[in-house]
Amino acid sequence: MNNEDITVAIVPAWDMEEIVALYRTAGWWEDTGHPDTIIPLIFSGSFAVVVASDTKNRAVGMGRVLSDGVSDAYIQDVVVDPRYRGRGIGSRIIRELVATCQGAGITWIALVAEPGTYHFYEPLGFTVMEDSVPMKYTGVTQ
């Protein structure tokens, strides 16, 4: 199967088990999660979700963008099934998400790259934000 056999498109929903399987390949899915309630919220709570699918319409990759649709946008959850990596699918997912944001007039588009992956994003137009530090809420300390 080559790259032309993969479709990359914005979708309003997708098979729950296939999305959970993709999240699991990335190590992002806790077995305690309830996919029947969480997966629909991932779609409805995102500005856009892209799914890459094979000729049998099975999800082999995905990504999504969070935004209010007016100003900033944040790309997250970009994952490609390990059996399909190295074929440009991840790049196609990113390009589709960026094009969707730009089509809505959103020009400030960011993401938090996992350690060691920023080289993947650089040819797609992303640069390291100097003097910025990603932060995560871990609770109030007093």
N, C-alpha and C. Protein backbone atom coordinates (compact mmCIF):
# COMPACT_ATOMS: atom_id res chain seq x y z
N MET A 1 0.85 -1.18 0.00
CA MET A 1 0.00 0.00 0.00
C MET A 1 0.89 1.23 0.00
N ASN A 2 0.60 2.18 -0.89
CA ASN A 2 1.38 3.41 -0.95
C ASN A 2 0.57 4.58 -0.43
N ASN A 3 1.19 5.74 -0.43
CA ASN A 3 0.58 6.93 0.13
C ASN A 3 -0.70 7.33 -0.61
N GLU A 4 -0.79 7.01 -1.90
CA GLU A 4 -1.98 7.37 -2.67
C GLU A 4 -3.19 6.54 -2.24
N ASP A 5 -2.96 5.43 -1.56
CA ASP A 5 -4.06 4.59 -1.08
C ASP A 5 -4.64 5.08 0.24
N ILE A 6 -4.11 6.17 0.77
CA ILE A 6 -4.55 6.71 2.05
C ILE A 6 -5.32 8.00 1.80
N THR A 7 -6.50 8.09 2.37
CA THR A 7 -7.31 9.30 2.29
C THR A 7 -7.15 10.07 3.59
N VAL A 8 -6.95 11.37 3.49
CA VAL A 8 -6.83 12.24 4.66
C VAL A 8 -7.92 13.30 4.53
N ALA A 9 -8.81 13.35 5.53
CA ALA A 9 -9.95 14.27 5.43
C ALA A 9 -10.46 14.68 6.80
N ILE A 10 -11.04 15.88 6.83
CA ILE A 10 -11.76 16.34 8.02
C ILE A 10 -13.02 15.49 8.13
N VAL A 11 -13.29 14.98 9.33
CA VAL A 11 -14.47 14.13 9.53
C VAL A 11 -15.23 14.60 10.78
N PRO A 12 -16.56 14.44 10.77
CA PRO A 12 -17.35 14.84 11.95
C PRO A 12 -17.38 13.77 13.04
N ALA A 13 -17.07 12.54 12.69
CA ALA A 13 -17.09 11.42 13.64
C ALA A 13 -16.35 10.25 13.00
N TRP A 14 -16.04 9.25 13.84
CA TRP A 14 -15.38 8.04 13.32
C TRP A 14 -15.65 6.90 14.28
N ASP A 15 -15.39 5.69 13.82
CA ASP A 15 -15.57 4.50 14.64
C ASP A 15 -14.76 4.62 15.94
N MET A 16 -15.45 4.49 17.05
CA MET A 16 -14.86 4.67 18.36
C MET A 16 -13.68 3.74 18.61
N GLU A 17 -13.82 2.48 18.28
CA GLU A 17 -12.75 1.51 18.54
C GLU A 17 -11.50 1.81 17.74
N GLU A 18 -11.66 2.30 16.52
CA GLU A 18 -10.49 2.64 15.71
C GLU A 18 -9.74 3.83 16.27
N ILE A 19 -10.47 4.82 16.78
CA ILE A 19 -9.83 5.99 17.38
C ILE A 19 -9.12 5.59 18.67
N VAL A 20 -9.76 4.78 19.49
CA VAL A 20 -9.13 4.31 20.73
C VAL A 20 -7.86 3.52 20.39
N ALA A 21 -7.91 2.70 19.36
CA ALA A 21 -6.72 1.92 18.97
C ALA A 21 -5.57 2.85 18.58
N LEU A 22 -5.86 3.94 17.88
CA LEU A 22 -4.81 4.89 17.52
C LEU A 22 -4.23 5.55 18.78
N TYR A 23 -5.09 5.98 19.69
CA TYR A 23 -4.61 6.58 20.94
C TYR A 23 -3.74 5.58 21.71
N ARG A 24 -4.12 4.33 21.70
CA ARG A 24 -3.33 3.32 22.41
C ARG A 24 -1.96 3.13 21.79
N THR A 25 -1.85 3.21 20.45
CA THR A 25 -0.54 3.04 19.82
C THR A 25 0.42 4.14 20.26
N ALA A 26 -0.14 5.30 20.62
CA ALA A 26 0.68 6.41 21.08
C ALA A 26 0.89 6.38 22.59
N GLY A 27 0.22 5.46 23.28
CA GLY A 27 0.33 5.38 24.73
C GLY A 27 -0.48 6.43 25.45
N TRP A 28 -1.52 6.96 24.79
CA TRP A 28 -2.32 8.05 25.36
C TRP A 28 -3.63 7.59 25.97
N TRP A 29 -4.00 6.36 25.83
CA TRP A 29 -5.33 5.95 26.30
C TRP A 29 -5.21 5.14 27.58
N GLU A 30 -5.86 5.59 28.61
CA GLU A 30 -5.92 4.86 29.87
C GLU A 30 -7.08 3.88 29.79
N ASP A 31 -6.86 2.65 30.23
CA ASP A 31 -7.93 1.66 30.19
C ASP A 31 -9.13 2.04 31.04
N THR A 32 -8.95 3.02 31.92
CA THR A 32 -10.06 3.46 32.76
C THR A 32 -11.00 4.42 32.03
N GLY A 33 -10.59 4.90 30.85
CA GLY A 33 -11.42 5.83 30.10
C GLY A 33 -12.65 5.14 29.54
N HIS A 34 -13.68 5.90 29.30
CA HIS A 34 -14.93 5.37 28.75
C HIS A 34 -15.09 5.87 27.31
N PRO A 35 -14.64 5.06 26.34
CA PRO A 35 -14.64 5.53 24.95
C PRO A 35 -16.02 5.91 24.42
N ASP A 36 -17.06 5.28 24.92
CA ASP A 36 -18.40 5.58 24.40
C ASP A 36 -18.83 7.00 24.73
N THR A 37 -18.26 7.60 25.76
CA THR A 37 -18.58 9.00 26.06
C THR A 37 -17.46 9.94 25.66
N ILE A 38 -16.22 9.49 25.74
CA ILE A 38 -15.07 10.37 25.48
C ILE A 38 -14.89 10.62 23.99
N ILE A 39 -14.95 9.60 23.17
CA ILE A 39 -14.69 9.77 21.73
C ILE A 39 -15.65 10.76 21.09
N PRO A 40 -16.96 10.68 21.33
CA PRO A 40 -17.83 11.71 20.74
C PRO A 40 -17.45 13.12 21.19
N LEU A 41 -17.00 13.28 22.44
CA LEU A 41 -16.59 14.60 22.92
C LEU A 41 -15.32 15.08 22.25
N ILE A 42 -14.42 14.16 21.92
CA ILE A 42 -13.22 14.54 21.20
C ILE A 42 -13.60 15.19 19.87
N PHE A 43 -14.58 14.64 19.20
CA PHE A 43 -15.01 15.20 17.92
C PHE A 43 -15.80 16.49 18.12
N SER A 44 -16.78 16.48 19.00
CA SER A 44 -17.61 17.67 19.17
C SER A 44 -16.86 18.81 19.84
N GLY A 45 -15.83 18.50 20.63
CA GLY A 45 -15.08 19.53 21.32
C GLY A 45 -13.89 20.07 20.55
N SER A 46 -13.67 19.59 19.37
CA SER A 46 -12.54 20.03 18.55
C SER A 46 -13.02 20.95 17.44
N PHE A 47 -12.15 21.87 17.04
CA PHE A 47 -12.45 22.72 15.90
C PHE A 47 -12.48 21.88 14.63
N ALA A 48 -11.55 20.93 14.54
CA ALA A 48 -11.50 20.02 13.39
C ALA A 48 -10.76 18.75 13.79
N VAL A 49 -11.21 17.64 13.23
CA VAL A 49 -10.54 16.35 13.40
C VAL A 49 -10.27 15.79 12.01
N VAL A 50 -9.03 15.36 11.81
CA VAL A 50 -8.63 14.74 10.55
C VAL A 50 -8.37 13.27 10.82
N VAL A 51 -8.89 12.42 9.94
CA VAL A 51 -8.60 10.99 10.00
C VAL A 51 -7.98 10.58 8.67
N ALA A 52 -6.91 9.80 8.77
CA ALA A 52 -6.30 9.18 7.59
C ALA A 52 -6.83 7.76 7.56
N SER A 53 -7.36 7.34 6.42
CA SER A 53 -7.93 6.01 6.33
C SER A 53 -7.39 5.27 5.12
N ASP A 54 -7.37 3.93 5.23
CA ASP A 54 -6.88 3.09 4.15
C ASP A 54 -8.00 2.77 3.16
N THR A 55 -7.73 1.92 2.21
CA THR A 55 -8.71 1.59 1.17
C THR A 55 -9.92 0.84 1.72
N LYS A 56 -9.80 0.27 2.91
CA LYS A 56 -10.95 -0.40 3.55
C LYS A 56 -11.65 0.52 4.54
N ASN A 57 -11.32 1.82 4.48
CA ASN A 57 -11.91 2.84 5.33
C ASN A 57 -11.62 2.62 6.81
N ARG A 58 -10.44 2.09 7.12
CA ARG A 58 -10.00 1.93 8.51
C ARG A 58 -9.05 3.07 8.85
N ALA A 59 -9.21 3.62 10.04
CA ALA A 59 -8.35 4.71 10.48
C ALA A 59 -6.93 4.22 10.70
N VAL A 60 -5.97 4.91 10.06
CA VAL A 60 -4.56 4.59 10.23
C VAL A 60 -3.80 5.78 10.82
N GLY A 61 -4.48 6.89 10.99
CA GLY A 61 -3.88 8.07 11.58
C GLY A 61 -4.95 9.10 11.88
N MET A 62 -4.60 10.06 12.73
CA MET A 62 -5.53 11.12 13.07
C MET A 62 -4.79 12.30 13.67
N GLY A 63 -5.48 13.40 13.77
CA GLY A 63 -4.99 14.59 14.45
C GLY A 63 -6.18 15.51 14.63
N ARG A 64 -6.04 16.43 15.56
CA ARG A 64 -7.14 17.36 15.76
C ARG A 64 -6.60 18.72 16.15
N VAL A 65 -7.46 19.71 16.05
CA VAL A 65 -7.08 21.07 16.40
C VAL A 65 -8.16 21.66 17.31
N LEU A 66 -7.70 22.31 18.36
CA LEU A 66 -8.58 23.01 19.29
C LEU A 66 -8.49 24.50 19.00
N SER A 67 -9.64 25.15 18.92
CA SER A 67 -9.68 26.58 18.63
C SER A 67 -11.08 27.10 18.86
N ASP A 68 -11.16 28.42 19.06
CA ASP A 68 -12.48 29.06 19.10
C ASP A 68 -12.95 29.39 17.69
N GLY A 69 -12.10 29.09 16.70
CA GLY A 69 -12.47 29.34 15.31
C GLY A 69 -12.22 30.77 14.86
N VAL A 70 -11.63 31.59 15.73
CA VAL A 70 -11.41 32.99 15.40
C VAL A 70 -9.95 33.38 15.56
N SER A 71 -9.34 33.01 16.68
CA SER A 71 -7.97 33.47 16.92
C SER A 71 -6.99 32.30 16.92
N ASP A 72 -6.52 31.90 18.07
CA ASP A 72 -5.49 30.87 18.16
C ASP A 72 -6.02 29.47 17.89
N ALA A 73 -5.10 28.59 17.49
CA ALA A 73 -5.43 27.18 17.29
C ALA A 73 -4.27 26.34 17.79
N TYR A 74 -4.60 25.21 18.36
CA TYR A 74 -3.60 24.30 18.91
C TYR A 74 -3.81 22.91 18.33
N ILE A 75 -2.82 22.43 17.63
CA ILE A 75 -2.88 21.08 17.07
C ILE A 75 -2.46 20.10 18.14
N GLN A 76 -3.18 19.00 18.24
CA GLN A 76 -2.81 17.97 19.20
C GLN A 76 -3.28 16.60 18.72
N ASP A 77 -2.84 15.59 19.45
CA ASP A 77 -3.24 14.19 19.22
C ASP A 77 -2.93 13.70 17.81
N VAL A 78 -1.80 14.12 17.26
CA VAL A 78 -1.40 13.63 15.94
C VAL A 78 -0.73 12.28 16.13
N VAL A 79 -1.29 11.27 15.51
CA VAL A 79 -0.75 9.91 15.64
C VAL A 79 -0.98 9.14 14.35
N VAL A 80 -0.02 8.32 13.99
CA VAL A 80 -0.14 7.42 12.85
C VAL A 80 0.20 6.03 13.33
N ASP A 81 -0.62 5.08 12.94
CA ASP A 81 -0.37 3.67 13.28
C ASP A 81 1.07 3.33 12.89
N PRO A 82 1.83 2.70 13.80
CA PRO A 82 3.25 2.40 13.51
C PRO A 82 3.47 1.65 12.20
N ARG A 83 2.52 0.84 11.77
CA ARG A 83 2.67 0.10 10.52
C ARG A 83 2.60 0.99 9.29
N TYR A 84 2.14 2.24 9.47
CA TYR A 84 1.96 3.17 8.35
C TYR A 84 2.89 4.37 8.42
N ARG A 85 3.76 4.41 9.41
CA ARG A 85 4.66 5.55 9.56
C ARG A 85 5.73 5.56 8.47
N GLY A 86 6.26 6.75 8.23
CA GLY A 86 7.30 6.90 7.22
C GLY A 86 6.77 7.03 5.81
N ARG A 87 5.48 7.23 5.66
CA ARG A 87 4.86 7.36 4.33
C ARG A 87 4.30 8.75 4.06
N GLY A 88 4.57 9.69 4.97
CA GLY A 88 4.07 11.05 4.78
C GLY A 88 2.66 11.28 5.28
N ILE A 89 2.08 10.31 5.93
CA ILE A 89 0.69 10.44 6.41
C ILE A 89 0.59 11.50 7.49
N GLY A 90 1.52 11.50 8.43
CA GLY A 90 1.51 12.50 9.49
C GLY A 90 1.61 13.91 8.93
N SER A 91 2.47 14.08 7.93
CA SER A 91 2.61 15.39 7.29
C SER A 91 1.31 15.81 6.62
N ARG A 92 0.66 14.88 5.98
CA ARG A 92 -0.62 15.19 5.32
C ARG A 92 -1.67 15.59 6.34
N ILE A 93 -1.68 14.92 7.50
CA ILE A 93 -2.62 15.26 8.56
C ILE A 93 -2.37 16.69 9.04
N ILE A 94 -1.11 17.02 9.31
CA ILE A 94 -0.77 18.37 9.76
C ILE A 94 -1.16 19.41 8.72
N ARG A 95 -0.83 19.15 7.46
CA ARG A 95 -1.16 20.12 6.39
C ARG A 95 -2.68 20.35 6.30
N GLU A 96 -3.45 19.29 6.45
CA GLU A 96 -4.91 19.43 6.38
C GLU A 96 -5.43 20.25 7.56
N LEU A 97 -4.89 20.03 8.74
CA LEU A 97 -5.31 20.80 9.91
C LEU A 97 -4.92 22.27 9.76
N VAL A 98 -3.71 22.53 9.30
CA VAL A 98 -3.25 23.91 9.09
C VAL A 98 -4.12 24.59 8.03
N ALA A 99 -4.38 23.92 6.93
CA ALA A 99 -5.20 24.51 5.86
C ALA A 99 -6.61 24.82 6.36
N THR A 100 -7.15 23.97 7.20
CA THR A 100 -8.49 24.20 7.75
C THR A 100 -8.48 25.46 8.62
N CYS A 101 -7.45 25.60 9.45
CA CYS A 101 -7.33 26.79 10.29
C CYS A 101 -7.17 28.04 9.43
N GLN A 102 -6.27 27.98 8.48
CA GLN A 102 -6.04 29.14 7.62
C GLN A 102 -7.29 29.50 6.83
N GLY A 103 -8.04 28.49 6.40
CA GLY A 103 -9.28 28.75 5.68
C GLY A 103 -10.30 29.49 6.53
N ALA A 104 -10.20 29.35 7.85
CA ALA A 104 -11.09 30.06 8.77
C ALA A 104 -10.50 31.41 9.19
N GLY A 105 -9.32 31.75 8.64
CA GLY A 105 -8.69 33.02 8.98
C GLY A 105 -7.82 32.95 10.23
N ILE A 106 -7.57 31.77 10.74
CA ILE A 106 -6.73 31.61 11.92
C ILE A 106 -5.28 31.52 11.47
N THR A 107 -4.46 32.43 11.95
CA THR A 107 -3.06 32.45 11.54
C THR A 107 -2.10 32.06 12.65
N TRP A 108 -2.53 32.11 13.91
CA TRP A 108 -1.68 31.72 15.03
C TRP A 108 -1.99 30.26 15.34
N ILE A 109 -1.12 29.37 14.89
CA ILE A 109 -1.32 27.92 15.03
C ILE A 109 -0.11 27.36 15.74
N ALA A 110 -0.34 26.63 16.82
CA ALA A 110 0.77 26.09 17.60
C ALA A 110 0.52 24.63 17.95
N LEU A 111 1.55 24.01 18.49
CA LEU A 111 1.44 22.65 19.02
C LEU A 111 2.55 22.44 20.01
N VAL A 112 2.43 21.42 20.82
CA VAL A 112 3.50 21.04 21.73
C VAL A 112 4.04 19.72 21.21
N ALA A 113 5.26 19.75 20.73
CA ALA A 113 5.88 18.54 20.16
C ALA A 113 6.45 17.68 21.29
N GLU A 114 6.30 16.39 21.14
CA GLU A 114 6.90 15.48 22.10
C GLU A 114 8.42 15.55 21.93
N PRO A 115 9.15 15.24 23.01
CA PRO A 115 10.62 15.30 22.91
C PRO A 115 11.14 14.50 21.71
N GLY A 116 12.03 15.13 20.98
CA GLY A 116 12.67 14.46 19.85
C GLY A 116 11.87 14.47 18.56
N THR A 117 10.70 15.13 18.55
CA THR A 117 9.88 15.11 17.33
C THR A 117 9.83 16.46 16.61
N TYR A 118 10.49 17.48 17.16
CA TYR A 118 10.36 18.79 16.54
C TYR A 118 10.91 18.79 15.11
N HIS A 119 11.86 17.91 14.77
CA HIS A 119 12.38 17.86 13.41
C HIS A 119 11.29 17.44 12.40
N PHE A 120 10.31 16.69 12.86
CA PHE A 120 9.18 16.32 12.00
C PHE A 120 8.36 17.56 11.63
N TYR A 121 8.19 18.46 12.59
CA TYR A 121 7.31 19.61 12.39
C TYR A 121 7.98 20.78 11.67
N GLU A 122 9.29 20.90 11.75
CA GLU A 122 9.98 22.03 11.14
C GLU A 122 9.73 22.17 9.63
N PRO A 123 9.82 21.10 8.83
CA PRO A 123 9.55 21.26 7.39
C PRO A 123 8.09 21.62 7.08
N LEU A 124 7.23 21.47 8.09
CA LEU A 124 5.81 21.79 7.91
C LEU A 124 5.50 23.23 8.34
N GLY A 125 6.55 24.00 8.67
CA GLY A 125 6.36 25.41 8.97
C GLY A 125 6.38 25.77 10.45
N PHE A 126 6.63 24.83 11.32
CA PHE A 126 6.63 25.09 12.76
C PHE A 126 8.06 25.34 13.23
N THR A 127 8.20 26.28 14.15
CA THR A 127 9.50 26.57 14.74
C THR A 127 9.36 26.56 16.26
N VAL A 128 10.49 26.37 16.92
CA VAL A 128 10.52 26.40 18.38
C VAL A 128 10.21 27.83 18.82
N MET A 129 9.33 27.97 19.78
CA MET A 129 8.99 29.29 20.31
C MET A 129 10.00 29.64 21.40
N GLU A 130 10.98 30.46 21.04
CA GLU A 130 12.00 30.88 21.99
C GLU A 130 11.35 31.60 23.15
N ASP A 131 11.90 31.41 24.32
CA ASP A 131 11.43 32.05 25.54
C ASP A 131 10.01 31.64 25.94
N SER A 132 9.55 30.53 25.41
CA SER A 132 8.24 29.98 25.81
C SER A 132 8.46 28.61 26.42
N VAL A 133 7.68 28.30 27.41
CA VAL A 133 7.80 27.02 28.09
C VAL A 133 6.42 26.40 28.19
N PRO A 134 6.22 25.20 27.65
CA PRO A 134 4.91 24.56 27.84
C PRO A 134 4.73 24.27 29.34
N MET A 135 3.55 24.48 29.82
CA MET A 135 3.28 24.26 31.24
C MET A 135 2.02 23.42 31.40
N LYS A 136 1.98 22.69 32.49
CA LYS A 136 0.84 21.81 32.79
C LYS A 136 0.39 22.10 34.22
N TYR A 137 -0.89 22.21 34.40
CA TYR A 137 -1.44 22.43 35.73
C TYR A 137 -1.33 21.15 36.54
N THR A 138 -0.73 21.22 37.71
CA THR A 138 -0.58 20.06 38.58
C THR A 138 -1.18 20.29 39.95
N GLY A 139 -1.81 21.41 40.15
CA GLY A 139 -2.43 21.72 41.42
C GLY A 139 -1.87 22.99 42.01
N VAL A 140 -2.62 23.54 42.91
CA VAL A 140 -2.22 24.78 43.55
C VAL A 140 -1.27 24.45 44.71
N THR A 141 -0.14 25.14 44.74
CA THR A 141 0.78 24.97 45.87
C THR A 141 0.84 26.29 46.62
N GLN A 142 0.81 26.19 47.92
CA GLN A 142 0.81 27.41 48.73
C GLN A 142 1.84 27.35 49.80
